[in-house]
Protein backbone atom coordinates (compact mmCIF):
# COMPACT_ATOMS: atom_id res chain seq x y z
CA MET A 1 56.99 8.12 23.92
CA GLN A 2 57.16 8.05 20.11
CA ASN A 3 60.75 6.83 20.19
CA ASP A 4 59.73 3.95 22.45
CA GLU A 5 56.98 2.91 19.99
CA SER A 6 59.29 3.27 17.03
CA ASP A 7 62.01 1.23 18.75
CA LEU A 8 59.46 -1.43 19.68
CA PHE A 9 58.22 -1.63 16.06
CA LEU A 10 61.75 -1.95 14.66
CA GLN A 11 62.55 -4.61 17.23
CA GLU A 12 59.44 -6.65 16.22
CA MET A 13 60.22 -6.29 12.51
CA SER A 14 63.91 -7.16 12.79
CA GLY A 15 63.53 -10.73 11.43
CA VAL A 16 61.16 -9.84 8.57
CA THR A 17 62.50 -9.94 5.02
CA PRO A 18 60.73 -8.11 2.17
CA LEU A 19 58.93 -10.11 -0.49
CA SER A 20 60.84 -10.49 -3.70
CA GLN A 21 57.65 -9.84 -5.69
CA ASP A 22 54.55 -7.83 -4.71
CA ALA A 23 52.26 -8.64 -7.69
CA VAL A 24 49.30 -10.99 -7.14
CA LEU A 25 49.24 -13.87 -9.59
CA LEU A 26 45.80 -15.07 -10.72
CA GLU A 27 47.01 -17.88 -12.99
CA ASN A 28 46.08 -20.68 -10.61
CA GLY A 29 42.67 -19.11 -9.79
CA GLU A 30 43.49 -19.05 -6.11
CA PHE A 31 42.57 -15.37 -5.78
CA SER A 32 39.79 -15.14 -8.39
CA PRO A 33 36.22 -14.52 -7.15
CA THR A 34 34.17 -17.54 -6.16
CA LEU A 35 30.97 -18.44 -8.01
CA ALA A 36 28.96 -17.09 -5.08
CA GLN A 37 30.83 -13.79 -5.22
CA GLN A 38 30.27 -13.59 -9.00
CA ALA A 39 26.53 -14.28 -8.53
CA ARG A 40 26.25 -11.59 -5.84
CA ARG A 41 28.03 -9.10 -8.10
CA LYS A 42 25.70 -9.90 -11.01
CA ALA A 43 22.62 -9.54 -8.78
CA ALA A 44 23.89 -6.20 -7.46
CA GLU A 45 24.51 -4.94 -11.00
CA GLN A 46 20.99 -5.96 -12.05
CA ASP A 47 19.52 -4.22 -9.00
CA MET A 48 21.27 -1.05 -10.10
CA GLU A 49 19.65 -1.22 -13.57
CA TYR A 50 16.54 0.92 -13.95
CA ASP A 51 13.27 -0.99 -13.77
CA ALA A 52 10.47 0.88 -15.52
CA ASN A 53 7.91 -1.36 -13.81
CA TYR A 54 6.79 0.61 -10.75
CA LEU A 55 4.12 -1.88 -9.59
CA SER A 56 4.71 -2.55 -5.91
CA MET A 57 5.57 -6.00 -4.57
CA GLU A 58 5.33 -4.68 -1.00
CA TYR A 59 2.72 -5.83 1.52
CA VAL A 60 -0.80 -6.33 0.19
CA ASP A 61 -4.13 -6.54 2.01
CA LEU A 62 -5.54 -9.96 1.10
CA VAL A 63 -9.00 -9.94 -0.44
CA LYS A 64 -11.51 -12.76 -0.18
CA PRO A 65 -12.08 -14.92 -3.28
CA ASP A 66 -15.63 -13.56 -3.65
CA GLU A 67 -14.92 -9.93 -2.78
CA PRO A 68 -15.92 -7.60 -5.65
CA PHE A 69 -13.40 -5.13 -7.04
CA THR A 70 -14.46 -1.60 -7.94
CA TYR A 71 -12.19 1.29 -8.88
CA LYS A 72 -12.94 4.53 -10.67
CA LYS A 73 -10.70 7.57 -11.07
CA ASP A 74 -12.14 11.00 -10.45
CA GLY A 75 -13.60 12.41 -13.65
CA VAL A 76 -14.82 9.11 -15.11
CA GLN A 77 -18.48 9.57 -15.98
CA ASP A 78 -20.95 7.45 -14.03
CA GLY A 79 -22.56 6.17 -17.24
CA VAL A 80 -19.18 5.07 -18.63
CA TYR A 81 -18.38 3.25 -15.40
CA ARG A 82 -21.83 1.63 -15.28
CA ASN A 83 -21.35 0.28 -18.83
CA LEU A 84 -17.94 -1.12 -17.86
CA ARG A 85 -19.34 -2.69 -14.69
CA LEU A 86 -22.19 -4.32 -16.64
CA GLY A 87 -19.83 -5.68 -19.31
CA LYS A 88 -21.44 -3.66 -22.10
CA TYR A 89 -18.18 -2.64 -23.80
CA GLN A 90 -16.52 -4.83 -26.39
CA LEU A 91 -13.48 -6.52 -24.83
CA ASP A 92 -10.54 -5.57 -27.05
CA ALA A 93 -7.81 -7.61 -25.31
CA THR A 94 -7.49 -10.32 -22.65
CA LEU A 95 -4.61 -11.28 -20.35
CA ASN A 96 -4.54 -14.63 -18.58
CA LEU A 97 -2.45 -14.60 -15.39
CA LEU A 98 -3.65 -17.97 -14.08
CA GLY A 99 -0.79 -20.11 -12.79
CA LYS A 100 1.77 -17.29 -13.04
CA SER A 101 4.18 -16.45 -10.25
CA LEU A 102 3.72 -13.02 -8.68
CA SER A 103 6.84 -11.62 -10.34
CA ASN A 104 5.79 -12.93 -13.78
CA ALA A 105 2.22 -11.69 -13.28
CA ARG A 106 3.53 -8.26 -12.26
CA ARG A 107 5.74 -8.04 -15.36
CA GLU A 108 3.07 -9.35 -17.76
CA LEU A 109 0.32 -7.09 -16.42
CA PHE A 110 2.55 -4.01 -16.60
CA PHE A 111 3.74 -4.58 -20.17
CA PHE A 112 0.33 -5.78 -21.38
CA ILE A 113 -1.39 -2.59 -20.22
CA GLU A 114 1.47 -0.44 -21.52
CA ASP A 115 1.25 -2.13 -24.94
CA CYS A 116 -2.56 -1.92 -25.07
CA HIS A 117 -2.45 1.80 -24.27
CA LYS A 118 0.13 2.47 -26.99
CA ARG A 119 -2.01 0.60 -29.54
CA GLY A 120 -5.19 2.43 -28.52
CA VAL A 121 -6.90 -0.58 -26.94
CA ARG A 122 -9.40 0.71 -24.39
CA THR A 123 -11.28 -2.19 -22.76
CA LEU A 124 -9.44 -5.17 -21.30
CA LEU A 125 -10.23 -8.34 -19.40
CA ILE A 126 -7.70 -9.64 -16.88
CA HIS A 127 -8.08 -13.28 -15.74
CA HIS A 128 -6.45 -13.61 -12.30
CA GLY A 129 -8.49 -16.41 -10.76
CA MET A 130 -10.25 -16.43 -7.42
CA GLY A 131 -7.45 -18.04 -5.45
CA ARG A 132 -9.67 -20.40 -3.50
CA ASN A 133 -7.13 -23.22 -3.70
CA SER A 134 -3.98 -21.12 -3.41
CA LYS A 135 -1.54 -22.12 -0.69
CA PRO A 136 -0.53 -20.78 1.78
CA HIS A 137 -2.66 -17.63 1.26
CA PRO A 138 -5.88 -17.65 -0.75
CA ALA A 139 -6.39 -15.02 -3.44
CA ILE A 140 -2.86 -13.59 -3.25
CA LEU A 141 -2.56 -12.99 -7.03
CA ARG A 142 -6.06 -11.53 -7.09
CA SER A 143 -5.11 -9.26 -4.17
CA TYR A 144 -2.01 -7.98 -5.96
CA VAL A 145 -3.91 -7.38 -9.22
CA PHE A 146 -6.40 -5.29 -7.23
CA LYS A 147 -3.46 -3.36 -5.76
CA TRP A 148 -1.56 -2.92 -9.04
CA LEU A 149 -4.32 -1.75 -11.39
CA PRO A 150 -4.99 1.56 -9.56
CA GLN A 151 -1.21 2.23 -9.53
CA ILE A 152 -1.17 2.43 -13.35
CA PRO A 153 -1.85 6.02 -14.50
CA THR A 154 -3.53 4.95 -17.77
CA VAL A 155 -6.13 2.83 -15.92
CA LEU A 156 -9.35 4.85 -15.59
CA ALA A 157 -11.60 2.23 -14.03
CA CYS A 158 -11.82 -1.45 -13.06
CA ASN A 159 -14.60 -3.73 -11.95
CA THR A 160 -15.18 -7.40 -11.24
CA ALA A 161 -16.30 -9.06 -14.48
CA GLN A 162 -19.80 -10.32 -15.20
CA LYS A 163 -20.41 -14.07 -14.87
CA GLN A 164 -20.15 -14.68 -18.64
CA HIS A 165 -16.63 -13.18 -18.62
CA GLY A 166 -15.33 -15.00 -15.55
CA GLY A 167 -17.10 -13.36 -12.63
CA TYR A 168 -14.91 -12.99 -9.54
CA SER A 169 -11.95 -14.63 -11.31
CA ALA A 170 -11.63 -11.76 -13.83
CA THR A 171 -11.62 -7.97 -13.91
CA TYR A 172 -12.68 -5.45 -16.54
CA VAL A 173 -10.20 -2.61 -17.11
CA LEU A 174 -10.88 0.66 -18.93
CA LEU A 175 -7.82 2.55 -20.22
CA GLN A 176 -7.60 6.22 -21.06
CA LYS A 177 -7.17 7.30 -24.66
CA ASN A 178 -3.61 7.46 -25.94
CA ALA A 179 -2.14 10.68 -27.38
CA GLU A 180 -3.25 9.87 -30.94
CA GLN A 181 -6.82 9.13 -29.85
CA LYS A 182 -6.94 12.36 -27.83
CA ARG A 183 -5.71 14.34 -30.84
CA GLU A 184 -8.36 12.75 -33.09
CA ASN A 185 -11.03 13.49 -30.48
CA ARG A 186 -9.97 17.18 -30.28
CA GLU A 187 -10.04 17.47 -34.08
CA LEU A 188 -13.51 15.91 -34.22
CA HIS A 189 -14.85 18.30 -31.58
CA SER A 190 -13.23 21.33 -33.21
CA LYS A 191 -14.87 20.41 -36.57
CA ARG A 192 -18.24 20.06 -34.86
CA GLY A 193 -17.77 23.43 -33.15
CA ALA A 194 -16.86 25.08 -36.47
CA GLN A 195 -19.99 23.70 -38.15
CA LYS A 196 -22.34 25.29 -35.63
């Protein structure tokens, strides 16, 4: 059986002559990647790069434009949260996301909060709008901001802002102390304990 196949192959190949050269020439660009192939390769390489921003762009439950936002991590004192909710803390930094695309808003929110935490900024105001006039889905940016803030480990609490700070179109955010602030706090408490 193998001889029959071998004979058949040799018979079919009898008129074939070997190429005089087996190297592929790219000088005329005939075999170089197309622009589309180059773009796909670049996109694939960028996808492989590490993205420190872990905020999810997956499905979000849409919130109504006038739906209040409340979030408090376990361990946050009720009095601290009440003061945040009532707008009694000095606002140390503000981020305006109005008119931003979702991907830009995601990036800006992530790096803004990361930067504020590093610098020791504790109380923030995020302007995200109410989304009443958004098309095709109302309040989509607002919905994602509500989803993203609890995903950030340094965020202790959030609440819809008071009317004078934007009402439903803005959110107060309280960040935890950074490492330097925690160290200073420990030193202060240890000095107080030593004085007793």
